[in-house]
Amino acid sequence: MIEVFLFGIVLGLIPITLAGLFVTAYLQYRRFFNARSKNISFRGGLLIEINRFFSDALTFPFFFILVINLGRNKEN
C-alpha cells in the first residue's frame, strides 16, 4: 500500500518541478523586464532551491507567502 503513495508522490513532484523550471526560465529570458518580473523570477528560483532541500509540502505555502503577498504590499 505504501508503494502507491510513493508512486503518487513521485508523479506529483515531476510536473511541479518541471513547471517551476519553465516558469523561471520564461521570466528570466523574456525581453521586457520590470522590477516586478525580476522579483518574481528571483522568487521562482528560490522556490526551486527550497524544493530541492524540502518536500513539496513546504513549497506551496512559500509560493503563497512570497508571490501572492507581493500584490498586497503594493496596495499599501
Protein backbone atom coordinates (compact mmCIF):
# COMPACT_ATOMS: atom_id res chain seq x y z
CA MET A 1 0.00 0.00 0.00
CA ILE A 2 2.86 2.41 0.74
CA GLU A 3 4.17 1.94 -2.80
CA VAL A 4 1.02 3.53 -4.18
CA PHE A 5 1.59 6.64 -2.08
CA LEU A 6 5.25 6.83 -3.03
CA PHE A 7 4.34 6.45 -6.70
CA GLY A 8 1.84 9.29 -6.35
CA ILE A 9 4.41 11.50 -4.65
CA VAL A 10 6.96 10.89 -7.41
CA LEU A 11 4.41 11.53 -10.15
CA GLY A 12 3.32 14.69 -8.37
CA LEU A 13 6.84 16.04 -7.92
CA ILE A 14 7.86 15.72 -11.56
CA PRO A 15 5.29 18.09 -13.13
CA ILE A 16 5.58 20.63 -10.29
CA THR A 17 9.36 20.75 -10.65
CA LEU A 18 9.21 21.00 -14.44
CA ALA A 19 6.57 23.72 -14.29
CA GLY A 20 8.73 25.70 -11.88
CA LEU A 21 11.73 25.37 -14.18
CA PHE A 22 9.77 26.53 -17.22
CA VAL A 23 8.21 29.48 -15.39
CA THR A 24 11.59 30.58 -14.05
CA ALA A 25 13.21 30.27 -17.47
CA TYR A 26 10.39 32.24 -19.09
CA LEU A 27 10.58 35.03 -16.54
CA GLN A 28 14.36 35.16 -16.76
CA TYR A 29 14.71 35.35 -20.54
CA ARG A 30 11.74 37.38 -21.75
CA ARG A 31 12.63 40.70 -23.34
CA PHE A 32 10.97 43.31 -21.16
CA PHE A 33 11.98 43.30 -17.53
CA ASN A 34 10.47 45.42 -14.88
CA ALA A 35 11.06 45.33 -11.15
CA ARG A 36 8.12 43.04 -10.52
CA SER A 37 9.14 40.38 -13.07
CA LYS A 38 12.68 40.30 -11.70
CA ASN A 39 11.28 39.90 -8.22
CA ILE A 40 9.03 37.02 -9.26
CA SER A 41 11.88 35.41 -11.21
CA PHE A 42 14.06 35.54 -8.11
CA ARG A 43 11.26 34.10 -6.03
CA GLY A 44 10.59 31.36 -8.56
CA GLY A 45 14.26 30.38 -8.42
CA LEU A 46 14.13 30.48 -4.65
CA LEU A 47 11.16 28.11 -4.67
CA ILE A 48 13.06 25.67 -6.86
CA GLU A 49 16.00 25.72 -4.45
CA ILE A 50 13.69 25.25 -1.47
CA ASN A 51 12.04 22.37 -3.32
CA ARG A 52 15.44 20.75 -3.73
CA PHE A 53 16.00 20.59 0.04
CA PHE A 54 12.48 20.28 1.42
CA SER A 55 9.37 18.42 0.42
CA ASP A 56 6.59 19.90 -1.72
CA ALA A 57 4.53 20.32 1.43
CA LEU A 58 6.61 23.44 2.11
CA THR A 59 6.69 24.73 -1.46
CA PHE A 60 3.05 25.74 -1.76
CA PRO A 61 2.95 27.80 1.47
CA PHE A 62 6.17 29.54 0.39
CA PHE A 63 4.62 30.22 -3.01
CA PHE A 64 1.56 31.84 -1.49
CA ILE A 65 3.60 33.84 1.01
CA LEU A 66 6.20 35.09 -1.47
CA VAL A 67 4.32 35.57 -4.73
CA ILE A 68 0.73 36.35 -3.78
CA ASN A 69 1.76 38.57 -0.87
CA LEU A 70 3.65 40.73 -3.39
CA GLY A 71 0.38 42.22 -4.64
CA ARG A 72 -0.75 43.08 -1.14
CA ASN A 73 2.41 45.04 -0.41
CA LYS A 74 1.94 47.25 -3.47
CA GLU A 75 -1.59 48.23 -2.44
CA ASN A 76 -0.43 49.75 0.87
